[in-house]
Amino acid sequence: MHPQKVCREKLEKLTDLPNIGPAAASDLMLLGIQHPSALVGQDAYQLYEELCRLTRQRHDPCVIDVFLSVIRFMEGEPPQSWWAYTAERQQTLLSRTGKQTTP
């Protein structure tokens, strides 16, 4: 859902979250997350690694940005577009691995 259309009082399914459409909702369900509330306390980087492991493919690192956006939203931050987290993700991965990621 587009971040500006999110209603915190009506979070019944994963697609009610900002930046989550059917494909991202399927990814979250594959990770065992069935309800938005299950995102509280999760680690976006660990979720990404688990998704890559489960699907046996390397996903676009922007998936981390999406995970960051919904975790932060569920932990009380205002809804933001996923790309608001790109610079943070790039810096975090650079500090962890010493490698710049793209996109």
Protein backbone atom coordinates (compact mmCIF):
# COMPACT_ATOMS: atom_id res chain seq x y z
CA MET A 1 0.00 0.00 0.00
CA HIS A 2 1.16 3.54 -0.68
CA PRO A 3 2.51 5.07 2.55
CA GLN A 4 0.12 8.03 2.37
CA LYS A 5 -2.90 5.71 2.29
CA VAL A 6 -2.00 3.63 5.34
CA CYS A 7 -4.38 3.67 8.27
CA ARG A 8 -2.75 2.47 11.49
CA GLU A 9 -6.17 1.60 12.93
CA LYS A 10 -6.92 -0.81 10.06
CA LEU A 11 -3.93 -3.13 9.92
CA GLU A 12 -5.57 -6.49 9.41
CA LYS A 13 -3.41 -8.00 6.68
CA LEU A 14 0.13 -7.55 5.39
CA THR A 15 -1.01 -5.62 2.31
CA ASP A 16 -2.43 -2.96 4.66
CA LEU A 17 1.18 -1.99 5.44
CA PRO A 18 3.09 0.76 3.61
CA ASN A 19 5.08 -0.48 0.61
CA ILE A 20 3.61 -3.99 0.77
CA GLY A 21 1.84 -5.43 -2.24
CA PRO A 22 0.97 -9.04 -2.98
CA ALA A 23 4.55 -10.11 -3.85
CA ALA A 24 6.10 -8.61 -0.70
CA ALA A 25 3.25 -10.03 1.39
CA SER A 26 4.03 -13.47 -0.04
CA ASP A 27 7.69 -13.03 0.88
CA LEU A 28 6.75 -12.11 4.45
CA MET A 29 4.40 -15.09 4.72
CA LEU A 30 7.18 -17.36 3.48
CA LEU A 31 9.22 -15.99 6.39
CA GLY A 32 6.44 -16.95 8.81
CA ILE A 33 5.01 -13.47 9.23
CA GLN A 34 1.24 -13.70 8.89
CA HIS A 35 0.12 -10.45 10.54
CA PRO A 36 1.59 -6.93 10.65
CA SER A 37 2.08 -7.13 14.42
CA ALA A 38 4.58 -9.98 13.94
CA LEU A 39 7.04 -7.47 12.45
CA VAL A 40 7.69 -5.76 15.78
CA GLY A 41 11.20 -6.58 16.96
CA GLN A 42 12.27 -8.20 13.68
CA ASP A 43 15.62 -7.53 12.01
CA ALA A 44 15.28 -6.50 8.35
CA TYR A 45 18.74 -7.78 7.45
CA GLN A 46 18.11 -11.20 8.99
CA LEU A 47 14.73 -11.42 7.26
CA TYR A 48 16.41 -10.65 3.95
CA GLU A 49 19.09 -13.30 4.45
CA GLU A 50 16.45 -15.86 5.41
CA LEU A 51 14.36 -14.98 2.35
CA CYS A 52 17.39 -15.46 0.09
CA ARG A 53 18.14 -18.79 1.78
CA LEU A 54 14.57 -20.07 1.54
CA THR A 55 14.13 -19.10 -2.10
CA ARG A 56 17.68 -20.07 -3.06
CA GLN A 57 18.18 -16.80 -4.88
CA ARG A 58 19.73 -13.45 -4.11
CA HIS A 59 16.99 -10.82 -3.99
CA ASP A 60 17.44 -7.18 -4.80
CA PRO A 61 18.88 -5.46 -1.69
CA CYS A 62 16.00 -2.96 -1.92
CA VAL A 63 13.92 -5.68 -0.27
CA ILE A 64 15.82 -4.76 2.90
CA ASP A 65 14.55 -1.18 2.50
CA VAL A 66 10.98 -2.48 2.30
CA PHE A 67 11.50 -4.62 5.39
CA LEU A 68 13.01 -1.65 7.26
CA SER A 69 10.04 0.52 6.30
CA VAL A 70 7.41 -1.88 7.62
CA ILE A 71 9.29 -2.85 10.77
CA ARG A 72 9.86 0.79 11.68
CA PHE A 73 6.23 1.60 10.89
CA MET A 74 5.00 -1.20 13.14
CA GLU A 75 7.35 0.03 15.87
CA GLY A 76 5.71 3.48 15.77
CA GLU A 77 7.46 5.54 13.11
CA PRO A 78 5.38 7.38 10.51
CA PRO A 79 4.89 5.61 7.18
CA GLN A 80 7.61 6.35 4.64
CA SER A 81 8.39 5.22 1.13
CA TRP A 82 10.81 2.29 1.07
CA TRP A 83 13.49 4.35 -0.68
CA ALA A 84 13.73 6.59 2.40
CA TYR A 85 15.76 3.72 3.89
CA THR A 86 18.14 3.10 0.97
CA ALA A 87 21.00 5.26 2.25
CA GLU A 88 20.73 3.69 5.71
CA ARG A 89 20.82 0.19 4.23
CA GLN A 90 23.78 1.00 2.02
CA GLN A 91 25.71 2.46 4.95
CA THR A 92 24.86 -0.47 7.22
CA LEU A 93 25.92 -3.05 4.65
CA LEU A 94 29.09 -1.11 3.90
CA SER A 95 30.01 -1.05 7.57
CA ARG A 96 29.23 -4.78 7.95
CA THR A 97 30.87 -6.07 4.80
CA GLY A 98 33.15 -3.33 3.54
CA LYS A 99 31.33 -3.56 0.18
CA GLN A 100 28.95 -1.08 -1.41
CA THR A 101 25.69 -2.60 -2.65
CA THR A 102 23.60 -1.52 -5.58
CA PRO A 103 21.05 -0.32 -6.34
